[in-house]
Amino acid sequence: MSDAFAKAAKLCATLKTWLLNDAYPIWWEVGADHMRGGFYEKIAQDGTPVEAPRRARVQPRQIYAFAAAKALGWDGPADAAVAHGLDFFLGRYLRPDGLVRTLVSPEGEPLDDSVVLYDQAFAIYGLAVAYRLTGEARLRDIAVTLRDALIAERKHPVAGFEEGSPRVTPLLSNPHMHLFEACLEWDEAGGDAQWRVLADEIANLALSRFVDPKSGGVREYYDGDWHAAPGVDGRILEPGHQFEWGWLLMRWGSLAAHPNAIEAALRMIGIGEGPGVDPQRGVAFFSLLDDMTPHDLTARLWAQTERIKAGVLAAELTGDNSWWDMASAGAEGLLKYFDTPVPGLYRDRMQPDGSFVDEPAPASSLYHIVLAIAEFDRAVKTRAG
């Protein structure tokens, strides 16, 4: 056993203990709304839930977090938590056309019927993980209806999807990343062949249009023809998204036998891990410009989780132990966000001076945390034999 792997395994165990003993209990006992259904948007740092309108993207993220709980070893009511989330989500967010509205009140009343691409991606993802857990055919059918409605309503004439109908610019890479993830999830869950077709389309769009050919990094904003958006927007690269796209493209490259995708993914990850990490704070910060200079030095929690995922999968695919060091660095960075008055909560934004913004813990981050720990745990167990 290498020293790099041994350190990574120890940090993985630390993260997992925090998740099982502290995070899952509070995010179920306090983070779930046991009176009205669904999940709260945030928990204040004093451990009380925050009343706010509920975004569509948060509910399926919480469904994923609890769908993964039993396999990770949580002895709480994981299945009940998934059912709790599904009941509220399917009952309150589905529009008559099969697409998902973006916002409801805490009571579940519609507040904004807009169709946001990012929300559709997470709805499809949440349905996939719930289907893998329960095998309920209705979840498969709802997801197919949603997908087909999205294709009919928002398909881009070249590839990918529009942000609005009629067209709204800039077009965005990030919702495609989560839709890519959702399609891969359905492909693994035994969905129909169209999921893989759509995953392949998004992967090829990413490699041909999203990636800056000079730097190898994935941009965020595009014009209507999938060229970089004008001005500063078209130059922005997010280190966290280099890790996240890298992880997904490594998965797809292995699945589809595309070594060029893995090569491109490792280049993206190198941007995230190189100029995208602040050596003083030991964390990945929010954004760079395409000349690799910092753009926004705020460091969000979610980027640290993606650093872990990218590191462990790169270690597995390449056999290079230095990637375990990257995963460990990501874990050490993430643990800084868990230093809170109430165990199981976390900080979201680290400022350039290393202090944290004093604000409630967002439920939306739990998905990132759980997925990173699940991937870390899987890789450690696989390596340990």
Protein backbone atom coordinates (compact mmCIF):
# COMPACT_ATOMS: atom_id res chain seq x y z
CA MET A 1 0.00 0.00 0.00
CA SER A 2 1.49 3.35 -1.04
CA ASP A 3 1.74 6.23 1.42
CA ALA A 4 -0.44 8.35 -0.90
CA PHE A 5 -3.22 5.77 -0.91
CA ALA A 6 -2.98 5.15 2.84
CA LYS A 7 -3.42 8.86 3.54
CA ALA A 8 -6.36 9.05 1.14
CA ALA A 9 -8.05 6.04 2.75
CA LYS A 10 -7.73 7.61 6.20
CA LEU A 11 -9.25 10.89 5.02
CA CYS A 12 -12.06 9.01 3.29
CA ALA A 13 -12.89 7.31 6.59
CA THR A 14 -12.95 10.68 8.37
CA LEU A 15 -15.36 12.14 5.82
CA LYS A 16 -17.58 9.09 5.94
CA THR A 17 -17.79 9.18 9.74
CA TRP A 18 -18.88 12.83 9.62
CA LEU A 19 -21.51 12.03 7.00
CA LEU A 20 -23.02 9.04 8.80
CA ASN A 21 -22.84 10.34 12.37
CA ASP A 22 -23.50 14.05 11.91
CA ALA A 23 -24.75 15.07 8.47
CA TYR A 24 -27.38 12.49 7.62
CA PRO A 25 -29.17 12.77 11.00
CA ILE A 26 -29.55 16.57 10.91
CA TRP A 27 -30.42 16.77 7.23
CA TRP A 28 -33.21 14.24 7.81
CA GLU A 29 -34.45 15.35 11.23
CA VAL A 30 -34.24 19.10 10.55
CA GLY A 31 -33.66 19.39 6.79
CA ALA A 32 -36.79 17.44 5.84
CA ASP A 33 -40.12 19.20 6.28
CA HIS A 34 -42.07 16.51 8.11
CA MET A 35 -45.28 18.55 8.17
CA ARG A 36 -45.64 19.79 4.58
CA GLY A 37 -43.34 17.43 2.71
CA GLY A 38 -40.13 17.85 0.78
CA PHE A 39 -36.88 19.34 2.00
CA TYR A 40 -35.96 22.79 3.25
CA GLU A 41 -33.61 24.93 1.14
CA LYS A 42 -31.25 25.68 4.02
CA ILE A 43 -30.49 25.05 7.67
CA ALA A 44 -29.27 28.03 9.73
CA GLN A 45 -25.99 27.61 11.59
CA ASP A 46 -27.96 27.39 14.86
CA GLY A 47 -29.55 24.18 13.56
CA THR A 48 -33.00 25.52 12.63
CA PRO A 49 -34.60 25.24 9.17
CA VAL A 50 -34.87 28.34 6.98
CA GLU A 51 -38.24 29.14 5.43
CA ALA A 52 -37.89 29.98 1.74
CA PRO A 53 -39.44 29.13 -1.62
CA ARG A 54 -38.23 25.72 -2.80
CA ARG A 55 -36.28 25.34 -6.02
CA ALA A 56 -36.86 22.30 -8.22
CA ARG A 57 -33.15 21.48 -8.31
CA VAL A 58 -32.86 20.96 -4.55
CA GLN A 59 -35.48 18.23 -4.10
CA PRO A 60 -33.91 15.64 -6.48
CA ARG A 61 -30.48 16.42 -5.06
CA GLN A 62 -31.76 15.47 -1.60
CA ILE A 63 -33.40 12.38 -3.06
CA TYR A 64 -29.96 11.35 -4.36
CA ALA A 65 -28.30 12.06 -1.01
CA PHE A 66 -30.64 9.73 0.83
CA ALA A 67 -30.75 7.14 -1.97
CA ALA A 68 -27.01 6.71 -1.42
CA ALA A 69 -27.28 6.58 2.37
CA LYS A 70 -27.98 2.89 2.97
CA ALA A 71 -25.09 1.67 0.80
CA LEU A 72 -22.77 4.05 2.66
CA GLY A 73 -23.87 2.53 5.97
CA TRP A 74 -26.38 4.97 7.43
CA ASP A 75 -28.77 3.16 9.76
CA GLY A 76 -31.47 5.83 9.55
CA PRO A 77 -34.70 5.74 7.48
CA ALA A 78 -33.06 6.14 4.07
CA ASP A 79 -35.86 4.54 2.06
CA ALA A 80 -38.48 6.64 3.84
CA ALA A 81 -36.44 9.78 3.13
CA VAL A 82 -36.34 8.97 -0.59
CA ALA A 83 -40.09 8.33 -0.66
CA HIS A 84 -40.67 11.56 1.28
CA GLY A 85 -38.75 13.55 -1.32
CA LEU A 86 -40.30 11.80 -4.30
CA ASP A 87 -43.85 12.35 -3.07
CA PHE A 88 -43.35 16.10 -2.75
CA PHE A 89 -41.36 16.46 -5.95
CA LEU A 90 -43.67 14.48 -8.22
CA GLY A 91 -46.77 15.99 -6.64
CA ARG A 92 -45.67 19.63 -6.75
CA TYR A 93 -43.19 20.25 -9.56
CA LEU A 94 -44.45 18.30 -12.58
CA ARG A 95 -46.28 20.44 -15.13
CA PRO A 96 -49.05 18.99 -17.33
CA ASP A 97 -46.60 18.80 -20.27
CA GLY A 98 -44.22 16.56 -18.31
CA LEU A 99 -41.58 19.23 -17.72
CA VAL A 100 -40.65 20.57 -14.29
CA ARG A 101 -41.52 24.02 -12.92
CA THR A 102 -38.68 25.87 -11.25
CA LEU A 103 -40.15 27.08 -7.94
CA VAL A 104 -42.90 26.29 -5.43
CA SER A 105 -43.85 27.66 -2.02
CA PRO A 106 -43.05 25.70 1.17
CA GLU A 107 -46.65 24.45 0.96
CA GLY A 108 -46.02 23.26 -2.59
CA GLU A 109 -48.02 25.91 -4.44
CA PRO A 110 -46.58 26.90 -7.84
CA LEU A 111 -44.61 30.17 -7.73
CA ASP A 112 -42.78 30.07 -11.07
CA ASP A 113 -43.74 27.72 -13.91
CA SER A 114 -40.58 28.48 -15.92
CA VAL A 115 -38.74 25.56 -17.50
CA VAL A 116 -35.07 25.88 -16.56
CA LEU A 117 -32.72 23.43 -18.30
CA TYR A 118 -30.65 22.94 -15.14
CA ASP A 119 -33.76 21.88 -13.21
CA GLN A 120 -34.79 19.37 -15.89
CA ALA A 121 -31.35 17.77 -15.66
CA PHE A 122 -31.64 17.28 -11.91
CA ALA A 123 -35.19 16.02 -12.17
CA ILE A 124 -34.01 13.34 -14.61
CA TYR A 125 -31.07 12.53 -12.34
CA GLY A 126 -33.19 12.22 -9.21
CA LEU A 127 -35.63 9.93 -11.02
CA ALA A 128 -32.73 7.73 -12.14
CA VAL A 129 -31.25 7.25 -8.69
CA ALA A 130 -34.69 6.61 -7.22
CA TYR A 131 -35.44 4.09 -9.96
CA ARG A 132 -32.18 2.26 -9.26
CA LEU A 133 -33.19 2.05 -5.62
CA THR A 134 -36.87 1.12 -5.98
CA GLY A 135 -37.33 -0.31 -9.48
CA GLU A 136 -40.64 1.57 -9.80
CA ALA A 137 -41.63 1.60 -13.48
CA ARG A 138 -43.52 4.89 -13.11
CA LEU A 139 -40.23 6.68 -12.42
CA ARG A 140 -38.78 5.40 -15.68
CA ASP A 141 -41.89 6.50 -17.55
CA ILE A 142 -41.91 9.98 -15.99
CA ALA A 143 -38.25 10.44 -16.90
CA VAL A 144 -38.82 9.40 -20.52
CA THR A 145 -41.78 11.77 -20.82
CA LEU A 146 -39.68 14.59 -19.40
CA ARG A 147 -36.76 13.84 -21.71
CA ASP A 148 -38.93 13.65 -24.81
CA ALA A 149 -40.74 16.89 -23.89
CA LEU A 150 -37.39 18.60 -23.36
CA ILE A 151 -36.15 17.44 -26.76
CA ALA A 152 -39.35 18.69 -28.41
CA GLU A 153 -39.28 22.03 -26.58
CA ARG A 154 -35.61 22.95 -26.26
CA LYS A 155 -33.40 21.01 -28.69
CA HIS A 156 -30.61 23.09 -30.23
CA PRO A 157 -30.36 22.72 -34.05
CA VAL A 158 -26.70 21.65 -33.88
CA ALA A 159 -26.44 19.73 -30.60
CA GLY A 160 -27.45 20.10 -26.99
CA PHE A 161 -30.23 22.30 -25.69
CA GLU A 162 -31.40 25.89 -25.63
CA GLU A 163 -31.86 27.85 -22.40
CA GLY A 164 -35.21 29.21 -23.57
CA SER A 165 -37.80 29.08 -26.32
CA PRO A 166 -37.52 31.43 -28.13
CA ARG A 167 -33.73 31.48 -27.80
CA VAL A 168 -32.11 33.08 -24.76
CA THR A 169 -28.36 33.73 -24.71
CA PRO A 170 -25.84 33.05 -23.43
CA LEU A 171 -26.12 29.30 -23.83
CA LEU A 172 -24.61 27.41 -20.91
CA SER A 173 -22.36 24.37 -20.56
CA ASN A 174 -23.23 23.67 -16.92
CA PRO A 175 -26.81 22.37 -17.39
CA HIS A 176 -25.46 20.06 -20.10
CA MET A 177 -22.95 18.66 -17.63
CA HIS A 178 -25.72 17.68 -15.24
CA LEU A 179 -27.88 16.34 -18.06
CA PHE A 180 -24.86 14.28 -19.18
CA GLU A 181 -24.59 12.92 -15.64
CA ALA A 182 -28.31 12.11 -15.60
CA CYS A 183 -28.15 10.30 -18.95
CA LEU A 184 -25.20 8.20 -17.77
CA GLU A 185 -27.15 7.36 -14.62
CA TRP A 186 -30.14 6.17 -16.65
CA ASP A 187 -27.87 4.21 -18.98
CA GLU A 188 -26.41 2.38 -15.98
CA ALA A 189 -29.87 1.93 -14.45
CA GLY A 190 -31.18 0.07 -17.51
CA GLY A 191 -33.04 2.89 -19.23
CA ASP A 192 -33.83 2.87 -22.94
CA ALA A 193 -31.20 3.33 -25.65
CA GLN A 194 -32.00 7.02 -26.10
CA TRP A 195 -30.25 7.87 -22.82
CA ARG A 196 -26.94 6.65 -24.17
CA VAL A 197 -27.51 8.42 -27.49
CA LEU A 198 -28.08 11.69 -25.64
CA ALA A 199 -25.07 11.12 -23.39
CA ASP A 200 -22.88 10.56 -26.45
CA GLU A 201 -24.22 13.72 -28.07
CA ILE A 202 -23.43 15.84 -25.01
CA ALA A 203 -19.96 14.32 -24.64
CA ASN A 204 -19.15 15.09 -28.26
CA LEU A 205 -20.57 18.61 -27.93
CA ALA A 206 -18.36 19.17 -24.89
CA LEU A 207 -15.24 17.92 -26.62
CA SER A 208 -15.89 19.82 -29.86
CA ARG A 209 -17.43 23.09 -28.65
CA PHE A 210 -17.27 23.53 -24.87
CA VAL A 211 -13.53 23.00 -24.60
CA ASP A 212 -11.22 25.94 -25.31
CA PRO A 213 -8.80 24.44 -27.88
CA LYS A 214 -5.93 26.57 -26.59
CA SER A 215 -6.11 25.86 -22.85
CA GLY A 216 -8.09 22.60 -22.86
CA GLY A 217 -10.50 24.01 -20.28
CA VAL A 218 -14.30 23.96 -20.41
CA ARG A 219 -15.88 27.39 -20.73
CA GLU A 220 -19.19 28.41 -19.14
CA TYR A 221 -20.92 30.78 -21.60
CA TYR A 222 -21.61 30.59 -25.36
CA ASP A 223 -23.39 32.39 -28.15
CA GLY A 224 -26.25 30.77 -30.07
CA ASP A 225 -23.85 28.83 -32.32
CA TRP A 226 -21.80 27.32 -29.48
CA HIS A 227 -18.90 29.75 -29.88
CA ALA A 228 -17.44 31.42 -26.80
CA ALA A 229 -19.65 34.27 -25.62
CA PRO A 230 -18.33 37.77 -26.29
CA GLY A 231 -16.39 39.66 -23.64
CA VAL A 232 -15.24 38.39 -20.27
CA ASP A 233 -18.08 35.85 -19.99
CA GLY A 234 -16.61 33.82 -22.84
CA ARG A 235 -13.25 33.63 -21.09
CA ILE A 236 -14.44 32.24 -17.74
CA LEU A 237 -13.32 28.77 -16.62
CA GLU A 238 -14.45 27.35 -13.28
CA PRO A 239 -11.92 25.01 -11.61
CA GLY A 240 -14.75 23.05 -9.99
CA HIS A 241 -16.29 22.40 -13.38
CA GLN A 242 -12.95 21.27 -14.81
CA PHE A 243 -12.97 18.58 -12.12
CA GLU A 244 -16.65 17.74 -12.62
CA TRP A 245 -16.55 17.58 -16.41
CA GLY A 246 -13.27 15.67 -16.13
CA TRP A 247 -14.85 13.05 -13.87
CA LEU A 248 -17.82 12.60 -16.19
CA LEU A 249 -15.73 12.44 -19.35
CA MET A 250 -13.43 9.86 -17.75
CA ARG A 251 -16.50 7.75 -16.96
CA TRP A 252 -17.84 8.17 -20.48
CA GLY A 253 -14.43 7.62 -22.08
CA SER A 254 -14.07 4.31 -20.24
CA LEU A 255 -17.63 3.26 -21.07
CA ALA A 256 -17.45 4.23 -24.75
CA ALA A 257 -13.78 3.29 -25.29
CA HIS A 258 -12.75 6.84 -26.19
CA PRO A 259 -9.21 7.38 -24.90
CA ASN A 260 -9.25 10.90 -26.36
CA ALA A 261 -12.00 11.79 -23.89
CA ILE A 262 -9.89 10.57 -20.98
CA GLU A 263 -6.91 12.54 -22.27
CA ALA A 264 -9.05 15.69 -22.56
CA ALA A 265 -10.46 15.06 -19.09
CA LEU A 266 -7.01 14.81 -17.52
CA ARG A 267 -6.06 18.10 -19.17
CA MET A 268 -9.14 19.78 -17.69
CA ILE A 269 -8.36 18.38 -14.28
CA GLY A 270 -4.82 19.71 -14.57
CA ILE A 271 -6.23 23.22 -14.97
CA GLY A 272 -8.40 22.80 -11.91
CA GLU A 273 -5.59 21.37 -9.83
CA GLY A 274 -2.92 23.79 -11.06
CA PRO A 275 -3.94 27.43 -11.54
CA GLY A 276 -7.39 26.71 -10.06
CA VAL A 277 -6.13 25.96 -6.54
CA ASP A 278 -4.99 28.65 -4.09
CA PRO A 279 -1.89 27.20 -2.40
CA GLN A 280 -2.28 29.50 0.60
CA ARG A 281 -5.76 28.26 1.50
CA GLY A 282 -5.41 24.81 -0.03
CA VAL A 283 -8.74 25.03 -1.85
CA ALA A 284 -10.04 25.32 -5.41
CA PHE A 285 -11.50 28.78 -5.99
CA PHE A 286 -14.46 29.84 -8.09
CA SER A 287 -13.18 31.01 -11.46
CA LEU A 288 -10.23 31.71 -13.75
CA LEU A 289 -9.92 33.51 -17.05
CA ASP A 290 -8.63 31.66 -20.09
CA ASP A 291 -5.13 33.08 -19.55
CA MET A 292 -5.15 31.17 -16.23
CA THR A 293 -5.31 34.30 -14.06
CA PRO A 294 -7.76 34.31 -11.11
CA HIS A 295 -11.18 35.83 -11.80
CA ASP A 296 -13.08 35.16 -8.55
CA LEU A 297 -11.09 33.92 -5.54
CA THR A 298 -14.15 32.96 -3.50
CA ALA A 299 -13.91 29.22 -2.83
CA ARG A 300 -17.21 27.34 -2.81
CA LEU A 301 -17.66 24.07 -0.96
CA TRP A 302 -18.86 22.15 -4.01
CA ALA A 303 -15.61 22.63 -5.93
CA GLN A 304 -13.70 20.78 -3.20
CA THR A 305 -15.97 17.75 -3.57
CA GLU A 306 -15.39 17.67 -7.32
CA ARG A 307 -11.64 17.79 -6.72
CA ILE A 308 -11.95 14.57 -4.71
CA LYS A 309 -14.02 12.78 -7.38
CA ALA A 310 -11.65 13.74 -10.17
CA GLY A 311 -8.61 12.66 -8.17
CA VAL A 312 -9.86 9.21 -7.24
CA LEU A 313 -11.09 8.30 -10.73
CA ALA A 314 -7.89 9.59 -12.33
CA ALA A 315 -5.93 7.44 -9.86
CA GLU A 316 -7.96 4.39 -10.86
CA LEU A 317 -7.73 4.94 -14.61
CA THR A 318 -4.06 5.91 -14.80
CA GLY A 319 -2.57 3.87 -11.94
CA ASP A 320 -0.60 6.99 -10.95
CA ASN A 321 -0.50 7.35 -7.17
CA SER A 322 -0.03 11.12 -7.37
CA TRP A 323 -3.74 11.42 -8.08
CA TRP A 324 -4.43 10.02 -4.61
CA ASP A 325 -2.50 13.02 -3.29
CA MET A 326 -4.90 15.27 -5.18
CA ALA A 327 -7.90 13.45 -3.67
CA SER A 328 -6.37 13.87 -0.22
CA ALA A 329 -5.78 17.57 -0.81
CA GLY A 330 -9.41 17.90 -1.85
CA ALA A 331 -10.54 16.08 1.29
CA GLU A 332 -8.39 18.27 3.53
CA GLY A 333 -9.85 21.34 1.84
CA LEU A 334 -13.41 20.05 2.23
CA LEU A 335 -12.98 19.31 5.93
CA LYS A 336 -12.33 23.01 6.56
CA TYR A 337 -15.94 23.70 5.57
CA PHE A 338 -17.26 21.27 8.20
CA ASP A 339 -16.03 23.31 11.19
CA THR A 340 -19.44 24.58 12.32
CA PRO A 341 -21.18 25.16 15.68
CA VAL A 342 -23.73 22.42 14.93
CA PRO A 343 -22.18 19.13 13.75
CA GLY A 344 -23.38 17.97 10.34
CA LEU A 345 -23.78 21.43 8.89
CA TYR A 346 -21.18 23.15 6.73
CA ARG A 347 -20.02 26.46 5.32
CA ASP A 348 -20.53 27.29 1.66
CA ARG A 349 -18.23 30.19 0.75
CA MET A 350 -14.63 30.74 1.83
CA GLN A 351 -13.44 34.28 1.26
CA PRO A 352 -10.00 35.15 -0.17
CA ASP A 353 -8.62 35.74 3.34
CA GLY A 354 -9.61 32.21 4.41
CA SER A 355 -12.61 33.22 6.53
CA PHE A 356 -16.10 31.92 5.82
CA VAL A 357 -19.24 33.86 5.02
CA ASP A 358 -21.58 33.47 8.01
CA GLU A 359 -24.74 32.14 6.38
CA PRO A 360 -27.06 29.12 6.50
CA ALA A 361 -25.93 25.77 5.10
CA PRO A 362 -27.54 25.18 1.68
CA ALA A 363 -29.23 21.83 1.18
CA SER A 364 -28.06 21.86 -2.44
CA SER A 365 -24.47 21.15 -1.37
CA LEU A 366 -25.29 17.83 0.30
CA TYR A 367 -25.56 16.12 -3.09
CA HIS A 368 -22.00 17.17 -3.91
CA ILE A 369 -20.71 16.00 -0.54
CA VAL A 370 -22.45 12.62 -0.62
CA LEU A 371 -21.42 11.89 -4.20
CA ALA A 372 -17.79 12.71 -3.45
CA ILE A 373 -17.73 10.53 -0.35
CA ALA A 374 -19.52 7.68 -2.16
CA GLU A 375 -17.03 7.83 -5.04
CA PHE A 376 -14.09 8.09 -2.64
CA ASP A 377 -15.36 5.14 -0.59
CA ARG A 378 -15.96 3.02 -3.69
CA ALA A 379 -12.48 3.70 -5.05
CA VAL A 380 -10.76 3.04 -1.72
CA LYS A 381 -12.59 -0.27 -1.29
CA THR A 382 -11.78 -1.30 -4.86
CA ARG A 383 -8.09 -0.49 -4.43
CA ALA A 384 -7.88 -2.18 -1.03
CA GLY A 385 -9.37 -5.34 -2.53
